[in-house]
Amino acid sequence: MARDLPTEEKDAKDRGMFARRNEDPTLPSYLSSLLYVLSVPTLLLLSFGGYWLGLYGYGAVVPAFGGLLVALLAVTFGLMHVLTGR
């Protein structure tokens, strides 16, 4: 059963961000959410920024976005690997 369902030992008010239990949000969870929310708009801006600066043509915007996405995932997973030691 999912942990976020109301149970007898934890009512609906205790769930959520201010539960003050082991399920409290941590800095890595906030950073993960920030990465999730900001990654696509930032990568799109960088992709079109390269086009606007004249680094490549309009047809290379999608491959540039793909390359930046792969690079971001590689850096993120590498950082997670180093920080967690797994």
PDB file of N, CA and C in Angstrom:
ATOM      1  N   MET A   1       0.839  -1.169   0.000  1.00  0.00           N
ATOM      2  CA  MET A   1       0.000   0.000   0.000  1.00  0.00           C
ATOM      3  C   MET A   1       0.892   1.242   0.000  1.00  0.00           C
ATOM      4  N   ALA A   2       0.478   2.255  -0.705  1.00  0.00           N
ATOM      5  CA  ALA A   2       1.282   3.478  -0.801  1.00  0.00           C
ATOM      6  C   ALA A   2       1.355   4.178   0.549  1.00  0.00           C
ATOM      7  N   ARG A   3       2.472   4.832   0.781  1.00  0.00           N
ATOM      8  CA  ARG A   3       2.674   5.485   2.071  1.00  0.00           C
ATOM      9  C   ARG A   3       1.871   6.773   2.200  1.00  0.00           C
ATOM     10  N   ASP A   4       1.430   7.357   1.090  1.00  0.00           N
ATOM     11  CA  ASP A   4       0.739   8.632   1.185  1.00  0.00           C
ATOM     12  C   ASP A   4      -0.763   8.480   1.405  1.00  0.00           C
ATOM     13  N   LEU A   5      -1.240   7.250   1.519  1.00  0.00           N
ATOM     14  CA  LEU A   5      -2.649   7.047   1.812  1.00  0.00           C
ATOM     15  C   LEU A   5      -2.900   7.291   3.291  1.00  0.00           C
ATOM     16  N   PRO A   6      -4.044   7.911   3.623  1.00  0.00           N
ATOM     17  CA  PRO A   6      -4.327   8.133   5.035  1.00  0.00           C
ATOM     18  C   PRO A   6      -4.539   6.808   5.754  1.00  0.00           C
ATOM     19  N   THR A   7      -3.919   6.672   6.870  1.00  0.00           N
ATOM     20  CA  THR A   7      -4.070   5.473   7.682  1.00  0.00           C
ATOM     21  C   THR A   7      -4.433   5.891   9.104  1.00  0.00           C
ATOM     22  N   GLU A   8      -4.634   4.931   9.949  1.00  0.00           N
ATOM     23  CA  GLU A   8      -5.004   5.253  11.319  1.00  0.00           C
ATOM     24  C   GLU A   8      -3.870   5.940  12.070  1.00  0.00           C
ATOM     25  N   GLU A   9      -2.625   5.560  11.768  1.00  0.00           N
ATOM     26  CA  GLU A   9      -1.511   6.157  12.508  1.00  0.00           C
ATOM     27  C   GLU A   9      -1.063   7.503  11.950  1.00  0.00           C
ATOM     28  N   LYS A  10      -1.547   7.880  10.756  1.00  0.00           N
ATOM     29  CA  LYS A  10      -1.134   9.155  10.169  1.00  0.00           C
ATOM     30  C   LYS A  10      -2.326   9.743   9.422  1.00  0.00           C
ATOM     31  N   ASP A  11      -2.891  10.835   9.927  1.00  0.00           N
ATOM     32  CA  ASP A  11      -4.052  11.403   9.254  1.00  0.00           C
ATOM     33  C   ASP A  11      -3.624  12.307   8.097  1.00  0.00           C
ATOM     34  N   ALA A  12      -4.595  12.848   7.386  1.00  0.00           N
ATOM     35  CA  ALA A  12      -4.325  13.616   6.176  1.00  0.00           C
ATOM     36  C   ALA A  12      -3.543  14.896   6.460  1.00  0.00           C
ATOM     37  N   LYS A  13      -3.735  15.501   7.635  1.00  0.00           N
ATOM     38  CA  LYS A  13      -3.007  16.732   7.944  1.00  0.00           C
ATOM     39  C   LYS A  13      -1.521  16.492   8.150  1.00  0.00           C
ATOM     40  N   ASP A  14      -1.173  15.299   8.622  1.00  0.00           N
ATOM     41  CA  ASP A  14       0.230  14.997   8.887  1.00  0.00           C
ATOM     42  C   ASP A  14       1.009  14.671   7.625  1.00  0.00           C
ATOM     43  N   ARG A  15       0.299  14.351   6.554  1.00  0.00           N
ATOM     44  CA  ARG A  15       1.008  14.041   5.315  1.00  0.00           C
ATOM     45  C   ARG A  15       1.461  15.338   4.656  1.00  0.00           C
ATOM     46  N   GLY A  16       2.415  15.246   3.753  1.00  0.00           N
ATOM     47  CA  GLY A  16       2.833  16.408   3.005  1.00  0.00           C
ATOM     48  C   GLY A  16       4.176  16.938   3.438  1.00  0.00           C
ATOM     49  N   MET A  17       4.425  18.178   3.084  1.00  0.00           N
ATOM     50  CA  MET A  17       5.762  18.739   3.240  1.00  0.00           C
ATOM     51  C   MET A  17       6.153  18.945   4.701  1.00  0.00           C
ATOM     52  N   PHE A  18       5.219  19.218   5.566  1.00  0.00           N
ATOM     53  CA  PHE A  18       5.562  19.550   6.943  1.00  0.00           C
ATOM     54  C   PHE A  18       5.188  18.429   7.905  1.00  0.00           C
ATOM     55  N   ALA A  19       5.346  17.191   7.469  1.00  0.00           N
ATOM     56  CA  ALA A  19       4.966  16.041   8.278  1.00  0.00           C
ATOM     57  C   ALA A  19       5.900  15.839   9.465  1.00  0.00           C
ATOM     58  N   ARG A  20       7.133  16.303   9.372  1.00  0.00           N
ATOM     59  CA  ARG A  20       8.140  16.158  10.426  1.00  0.00           C
ATOM     60  C   ARG A  20       8.385  14.695  10.785  1.00  0.00           C
ATOM     61  N   ARG A  21       8.511  13.900   9.775  1.00  0.00           N
ATOM     62  CA  ARG A  21       8.809  12.480   9.947  1.00  0.00           C
ATOM     63  C   ARG A  21       9.924  12.119   8.985  1.00  0.00           C
ATOM     64  N   ASN A  22      10.205  10.832   8.874  1.00  0.00           N
ATOM     65  CA  ASN A  22      11.268  10.390   7.975  1.00  0.00           C
ATOM     66  C   ASN A  22      10.982  10.686   6.519  1.00  0.00           C
ATOM     67  N   GLU A  23       9.725  10.927   6.181  1.00  0.00           N
ATOM     68  CA  GLU A  23       9.400  11.201   4.785  1.00  0.00           C
ATOM     69  C   GLU A  23       9.509  12.685   4.443  1.00  0.00           C
ATOM     70  N   ASP A  24      10.070  13.487   5.328  1.00  0.00           N
ATOM     71  CA  ASP A  24      10.220  14.910   5.045  1.00  0.00           C
ATOM     72  C   ASP A  24      11.086  15.116   3.810  1.00  0.00           C
ATOM     73  N   PRO A  25      10.799  16.155   3.024  1.00  0.00           N
ATOM     74  CA  PRO A  25      11.622  16.450   1.852  1.00  0.00           C
ATOM     75  C   PRO A  25      13.051  16.809   2.270  1.00  0.00           C
ATOM     76  N   THR A  26      13.986  16.427   1.447  1.00  0.00           N
ATOM     77  CA  THR A  26      15.388  16.717   1.719  1.00  0.00           C
ATOM     78  C   THR A  26      15.937  17.606   0.621  1.00  0.00           C
ATOM     79  N   LEU A  27      17.134  18.097   0.817  1.00  0.00           N
ATOM     80  CA  LEU A  27      17.774  18.932  -0.195  1.00  0.00           C
ATOM     81  C   LEU A  27      17.904  18.202  -1.537  1.00  0.00           C
ATOM     82  N   PRO A  28      18.326  16.924  -1.561  1.00  0.00           N
ATOM     83  CA  PRO A  28      18.365  16.246  -2.861  1.00  0.00           C
ATOM     84  C   PRO A  28      17.005  16.152  -3.539  1.00  0.00           C
ATOM     85  N   SER A  29      15.931  16.005  -2.777  1.00  0.00           N
ATOM     86  CA  SER A  29      14.614  15.943  -3.411  1.00  0.00           C
ATOM     87  C   SER A  29      14.234  17.294  -4.002  1.00  0.00           C
ATOM     88  N   TYR A  30      14.587  18.371  -3.317  1.00  0.00           N
ATOM     89  CA  TYR A  30      14.326  19.697  -3.875  1.00  0.00           C
ATOM     90  C   TYR A  30      15.167  19.934  -5.132  1.00  0.00           C
ATOM     91  N   LEU A  31      16.436  19.528  -5.107  1.00  0.00           N
ATOM     92  CA  LEU A  31      17.290  19.699  -6.282  1.00  0.00           C
ATOM     93  C   LEU A  31      16.799  18.860  -7.451  1.00  0.00           C
ATOM     94  N   SER A  32      16.306  17.671  -7.167  1.00  0.00           N
ATOM     95  CA  SER A  32      15.754  16.815  -8.212  1.00  0.00           C
ATOM     96  C   SER A  32      14.536  17.470  -8.853  1.00  0.00           C
ATOM     97  N   SER A  33      13.672  18.037  -8.040  1.00  0.00           N
ATOM     98  CA  SER A  33      12.492  18.722  -8.570  1.00  0.00           C
ATOM     99  C   SER A  33      12.897  19.942  -9.385  1.00  0.00           C
ATOM    100  N   LEU A  34      13.884  20.673  -8.916  1.00  0.00           N
ATOM    101  CA  LEU A  34      14.360  21.840  -9.647  1.00  0.00           C
ATOM    102  C   LEU A  34      14.938  21.442 -10.999  1.00  0.00           C
ATOM    103  N   LEU A  35      15.705  20.359 -11.026  1.00  0.00           N
ATOM    104  CA  LEU A  35      16.241  19.861 -12.285  1.00  0.00           C
ATOM    105  C   LEU A  35      15.116  19.453 -13.219  1.00  0.00           C
ATOM    106  N   TYR A  36      14.118  18.783 -12.697  1.00  0.00           N
ATOM    107  CA  TYR A  36      12.983  18.323 -13.501  1.00  0.00           C
ATOM    108  C   TYR A  36      12.223  19.493 -14.112  1.00  0.00           C
ATOM    109  N   VAL A  37      12.004  20.538 -13.331  1.00  0.00           N
ATOM    110  CA  VAL A  37      11.212  21.676 -13.784  1.00  0.00           C
ATOM    111  C   VAL A  37      11.991  22.566 -14.748  1.00  0.00           C
ATOM    112  N   LEU A  38      13.263  22.775 -14.494  1.00  0.00           N
ATOM    113  CA  LEU A  38      14.025  23.751 -15.268  1.00  0.00           C
ATOM    114  C   LEU A  38      14.844  23.171 -16.413  1.00  0.00           C
ATOM    115  N   SER A  39      14.996  21.855 -16.502  1.00  0.00           N
ATOM    116  CA  SER A  39      15.913  21.301 -17.484  1.00  0.00           C
ATOM    117  C   SER A  39      15.468  21.550 -18.922  1.00  0.00           C
ATOM    118  N   VAL A  40      14.225  21.258 -19.261  1.00  0.00           N
ATOM    119  CA  VAL A  40      13.786  21.407 -20.652  1.00  0.00           C
ATOM    120  C   VAL A  40      13.775  22.877 -21.085  1.00  0.00           C
ATOM    121  N   PRO A  41      13.211  23.811 -20.306  1.00  0.00           N
ATOM    122  CA  PRO A  41      13.281  25.203 -20.748  1.00  0.00           C
ATOM    123  C   PRO A  41      14.717  25.722 -20.894  1.00  0.00           C
ATOM    124  N   THR A  42      15.588  25.319 -19.988  1.00  0.00           N
ATOM    125  CA  THR A  42      16.977  25.766 -20.067  1.00  0.00           C
ATOM    126  C   THR A  42      17.669  25.185 -21.296  1.00  0.00           C
ATOM    127  N   LEU A  43      17.449  23.893 -21.559  1.00  0.00           N
ATOM    128  CA  LEU A  43      18.064  23.278 -22.731  1.00  0.00           C
ATOM    129  C   LEU A  43      17.521  23.866 -24.023  1.00  0.00           C
ATOM    130  N   LEU A  44      16.240  24.184 -24.064  1.00  0.00           N
ATOM    131  CA  LEU A  44      15.677  24.838 -25.242  1.00  0.00           C
ATOM    132  C   LEU A  44      16.287  26.221 -25.443  1.00  0.00           C
ATOM    133  N   LEU A  45      16.428  26.960 -24.368  1.00  0.00           N
ATOM    134  CA  LEU A  45      17.037  28.285 -24.464  1.00  0.00           C
ATOM    135  C   LEU A  45      18.483  28.193 -24.936  1.00  0.00           C
ATOM    136  N   LEU A  46      19.229  27.228 -24.427  1.00  0.00           N
ATOM    137  CA  LEU A  46      20.613  27.045 -24.868  1.00  0.00           C
ATOM    138  C   LEU A  46      20.686  26.609 -26.329  1.00  0.00           C
ATOM    139  N   SER A  47      19.770  25.741 -26.730  1.00  0.00           N
ATOM    140  CA  SER A  47      19.758  25.282 -28.121  1.00  0.00           C
ATOM    141  C   SER A  47      19.471  26.426 -29.078  1.00  0.00           C
ATOM    142  N   PHE A  48      18.435  27.197 -28.778  1.00  0.00           N
ATOM    143  CA  PHE A  48      18.124  28.334 -29.636  1.00  0.00           C
ATOM    144  C   PHE A  48      19.152  29.448 -29.477  1.00  0.00           C
ATOM    145  N   GLY A  49      19.774  29.542 -28.297  1.00  0.00           N
ATOM    146  CA  GLY A  49      20.827  30.543 -28.099  1.00  0.00           C
ATOM    147  C   GLY A  49      22.007  30.307 -29.020  1.00  0.00           C
ATOM    148  N   GLY A  50      22.380  29.057 -29.225  1.00  0.00           N
ATOM    149  CA  GLY A  50      23.451  28.753 -30.170  1.00  0.00           C
ATOM    150  C   GLY A  50      23.088  29.136 -31.588  1.00  0.00           C
ATOM    151  N   TYR A  51      21.828  28.948 -31.944  1.00  0.00           N
ATOM    152  CA  TYR A  51      21.360  29.363 -33.272  1.00  0.00           C
ATOM    153  C   TYR A  51      21.378  30.879 -33.400  1.00  0.00           C
ATOM    154  N   TRP A  52      20.875  31.567 -32.365  1.00  0.00           N
ATOM    155  CA  TRP A  52      20.827  33.030 -32.404  1.00  0.00           C
ATOM    156  C   TRP A  52      22.220  33.652 -32.416  1.00  0.00           C
ATOM    157  N   LEU A  53      23.188  32.988 -31.808  1.00  0.00           N
ATOM    158  CA  LEU A  53      24.569  33.490 -31.832  1.00  0.00           C
ATOM    159  C   LEU A  53      25.301  33.135 -33.116  1.00  0.00           C
ATOM    160  N   GLY A  54      24.666  32.345 -33.953  1.00  0.00           N
ATOM    161  CA  GLY A  54      25.270  31.975 -35.227  1.00  0.00           C
ATOM    162  C   GLY A  54      26.259  30.825 -35.142  1.00  0.00           C
ATOM    163  N   LEU A  55      26.181  30.034 -34.069  1.00  0.00           N
ATOM    164  CA  LEU A  55      27.099  28.905 -33.929  1.00  0.00           C
ATOM    165  C   LEU A  55      26.733  27.770 -34.879  1.00  0.00           C
ATOM    166  N   TYR A  56      25.455  27.634 -35.214  1.00  0.00           N
ATOM    167  CA  TYR A  56      24.988  26.603 -36.134  1.00  0.00           C
ATOM    168  C   TYR A  56      23.678  27.069 -36.766  1.00  0.00           C
ATOM    169  N   GLY A  57      23.251  26.364 -37.793  1.00  0.00           N
ATOM    170  CA  GLY A  57      22.034  26.716 -38.510  1.00  0.00           C
ATOM    171  C   GLY A  57      20.781  26.265 -37.785  1.00  0.00           C
ATOM    172  N   TYR A  58      19.637  26.666 -38.348  1.00  0.00           N
ATOM    173  CA  TYR A  58      18.354  26.352 -37.737  1.00  0.00           C
ATOM    174  C   TYR A  58      18.104  24.844 -37.702  1.00  0.00           C
ATOM    175  N   GLY A  59      18.575  24.137 -38.702  1.00  0.00           N
ATOM    176  CA  GLY A  59      18.382  22.691 -38.747  1.00  0.00           C
ATOM    177  C   GLY A  59      19.145  21.934 -37.675  1.00  0.00           C
ATOM    178  N   ALA A  60      20.075  22.573 -37.017  1.00  0.00           N
ATOM    179  CA  ALA A  60      20.869  21.910 -35.982  1.00  0.00           C
ATOM    180  C   ALA A  60      20.352  22.175 -34.573  1.00  0.00           C
ATOM    181  N   VAL A  61      19.221  22.866 -34.450  1.00  0.00           N
ATOM    182  CA  VAL A  61      18.696  23.173 -33.120  1.00  0.00           C
ATOM    183  C   VAL A  61      18.241  21.894 -32.414  1.00  0.00           C
ATOM    184  N   VAL A  62      17.524  21.020 -33.123  1.00  0.00           N
ATOM    185  CA  VAL A  62      17.039  19.779 -32.510  1.00  0.00           C
ATOM    186  C   VAL A  62      18.197  18.849 -32.142  1.00  0.00           C
ATOM    187  N   PRO A  63      19.185  18.638 -33.037  1.00  0.00           N
ATOM    188  CA  PRO A  63      20.335  17.824 -32.605  1.00  0.00           C
ATOM    189  C   PRO A  63      21.113  18.456 -31.443  1.00  0.00           C
ATOM    190  N   ALA A  64      21.192  19.770 -31.414  1.00  0.00           N
ATOM    191  CA  ALA A  64      21.866  20.439 -30.296  1.00  0.00           C
ATOM    192  C   ALA A  64      21.101  20.195 -28.996  1.00  0.00           C
ATOM    193  N   PHE A  65      19.771  20.273 -29.061  1.00  0.00           N
ATOM    194  CA  PHE A  65      18.955  19.990 -27.887  1.00  0.00           C
ATOM    195  C   PHE A  65      19.166  18.548 -27.425  1.00  0.00           C
ATOM    196  N   GLY A  66      19.175  17.618 -28.366  1.00  0.00           N
ATOM    197  CA  GLY A  66      19.398  16.216 -28.029  1.00  0.00           C
ATOM    198  C   GLY A  66      20.756  15.992 -27.394  1.00  0.00           C
ATOM    199  N   GLY A  67      21.773  16.621 -27.948  1.00  0.00           N
ATOM    200  CA  GLY A  67      23.115  16.484 -27.384  1.00  0.00           C
ATOM    201  C   GLY A  67      23.207  17.075 -25.982  1.00  0.00           C
ATOM    202  N   LEU A  68      22.580  18.233 -25.792  1.00  0.00           N
ATOM    203  CA  LEU A  68      22.582  18.839 -24.458  1.00  0.00           C
ATOM    204  C   LEU A  68      21.812  17.986 -23.458  1.00  0.00           C
ATOM    205  N   LEU A  69      20.713  17.376 -23.908  1.00  0.00           N
ATOM    206  CA  LEU A  69      19.937  16.510 -23.020  1.00  0.00           C
ATOM    207  C   LEU A  69      20.735  15.277 -22.603  1.00  0.00           C
ATOM    208  N   VAL A  70      21.404  14.661 -23.562  1.00  0.00           N
ATOM    209  CA  VAL A  70      22.238  13.489 -23.245  1.00  0.00           C
ATOM    210  C   VAL A  70      23.375  13.889 -22.312  1.00  0.00           C
ATOM    211  N   ALA A  71      23.991  15.038 -22.568  1.00  0.00           N
ATOM    212  CA  ALA A  71      25.076  15.505 -21.706  1.00  0.00           C
ATOM    213  C   ALA A  71      24.573  15.794 -20.287  1.00  0.00           C
ATOM    214  N   LEU A  72      23.396  16.413 -20.176  1.00  0.00           N
ATOM    215  CA  LEU A  72      22.820  16.697 -18.863  1.00  0.00           C
ATOM    216  C   LEU A  72      22.528  15.406 -18.103  1.00  0.00           C
ATOM    217  N   LEU A  73      21.963  14.420 -18.780  1.00  0.00           N
ATOM    218  CA  LEU A  73      21.688  13.141 -18.128  1.00  0.00           C
ATOM    219  C   LEU A  73      22.970  12.445 -17.691  1.00  0.00           C
ATOM    220  N   ALA A  74      24.003  12.499 -18.528  1.00  0.00           N
ATOM    221  CA  ALA A  74      25.270  11.871 -18.181  1.00  0.00           C
ATOM    222  C   ALA A  74      25.900  12.543 -16.960  1.00  0.00           C
ATOM    223  N   VAL A  75      25.869  13.864 -16.931  1.00  0.00           N
ATOM    224  CA  VAL A  75      26.433  14.592 -15.792  1.00  0.00           C
ATOM    225  C   VAL A  75      25.622  14.314 -14.531  1.00  0.00           C
ATOM    226  N   THR A  76      24.293  14.304 -14.661  1.00  0.00           N
ATOM    227  CA  THR A  76      23.432  14.056 -13.501  1.00  0.00           C
ATOM    228  C   THR A  76      23.652  12.663 -12.939  1.00  0.00           C
ATOM    229  N   PHE A  77      23.642  11.647 -13.807  1.00  0.00           N
ATOM    230  CA  PHE A  77      23.841  10.288 -13.323  1.00  0.00           C
ATOM    231  C   PHE A  77      25.259  10.085 -12.791  1.00  0.00           C
ATOM    232  N   GLY A  78      26.239  10.708 -13.416  1.00  0.00           N
ATOM    233  CA  GLY A  78      27.606  10.625 -12.898  1.00  0.00           C
ATOM    234  C   GLY A  78      27.726  11.250 -11.523  1.00  0.00           C
ATOM    235  N   LEU A  79      27.103  12.397 -11.345  1.00  0.00           N
ATOM    236  CA  LEU A  79      27.127  13.063 -10.045  1.00  0.00           C
ATOM    237  C   LEU A  79      26.405  12.233  -8.988  1.00  0.00           C
ATOM    238  N   MET A  80      25.268  11.650  -9.353  1.00  0.00           N
ATOM    239  CA  MET A  80      24.551  10.786  -8.410  1.00  0.00           C
ATOM    240  C   MET A  80      25.385   9.566  -8.043  1.00  0.00           C
ATOM    241  N   HIS A  81      26.091   9.016  -9.019  1.00  0.00           N
ATOM    242  CA  HIS A  81      26.930   7.847  -8.770  1.00  0.00           C
ATOM    243  C   HIS A  81      28.056   8.178  -7.787  1.00  0.00           C
ATOM    244  N   VAL A  82      28.677   9.321  -7.994  1.00  0.00           N
ATOM    245  CA  VAL A  82      29.790   9.723  -7.122  1.00  0.00           C
ATOM    246  C   VAL A  82      29.296  10.058  -5.709  1.00  0.00           C
ATOM    247  N   LEU A  83      28.181  10.780  -5.620  1.00  0.00           N
ATOM    248  CA  LEU A  83      27.691  11.217  -4.313  1.00  0.00           C
ATOM    249  C   LEU A  83      27.098  10.085  -3.491  1.00  0.00           C
ATOM    250  N   THR A  84      26.481   9.117  -4.137  1.00  0.00           N
ATOM    251  CA  THR A  84      25.887   8.015  -3.376  1.00  0.00           C
ATOM    252  C   THR A  84      26.840   6.852  -3.192  1.00  0.00           C
ATOM    253  N   GLY A  85      27.911   6.819  -3.966  1.00  0.00           N
ATOM    254  CA  GLY A  85      28.906   5.752  -3.839  1.00  0.00           C
ATOM    255  C   GLY A  85      28.441   4.410  -4.364  1.00  0.00           C
ATOM    256  N   ARG A  86      27.482   4.413  -5.284  1.00  0.00           N
ATOM    257  CA  ARG A  86      26.974   3.153  -5.825  1.00  0.00           C
ATOM    258  C   ARG A  86      27.380   2.973  -7.247  1.00  0.00           C
TER     259      ARG A  86
END
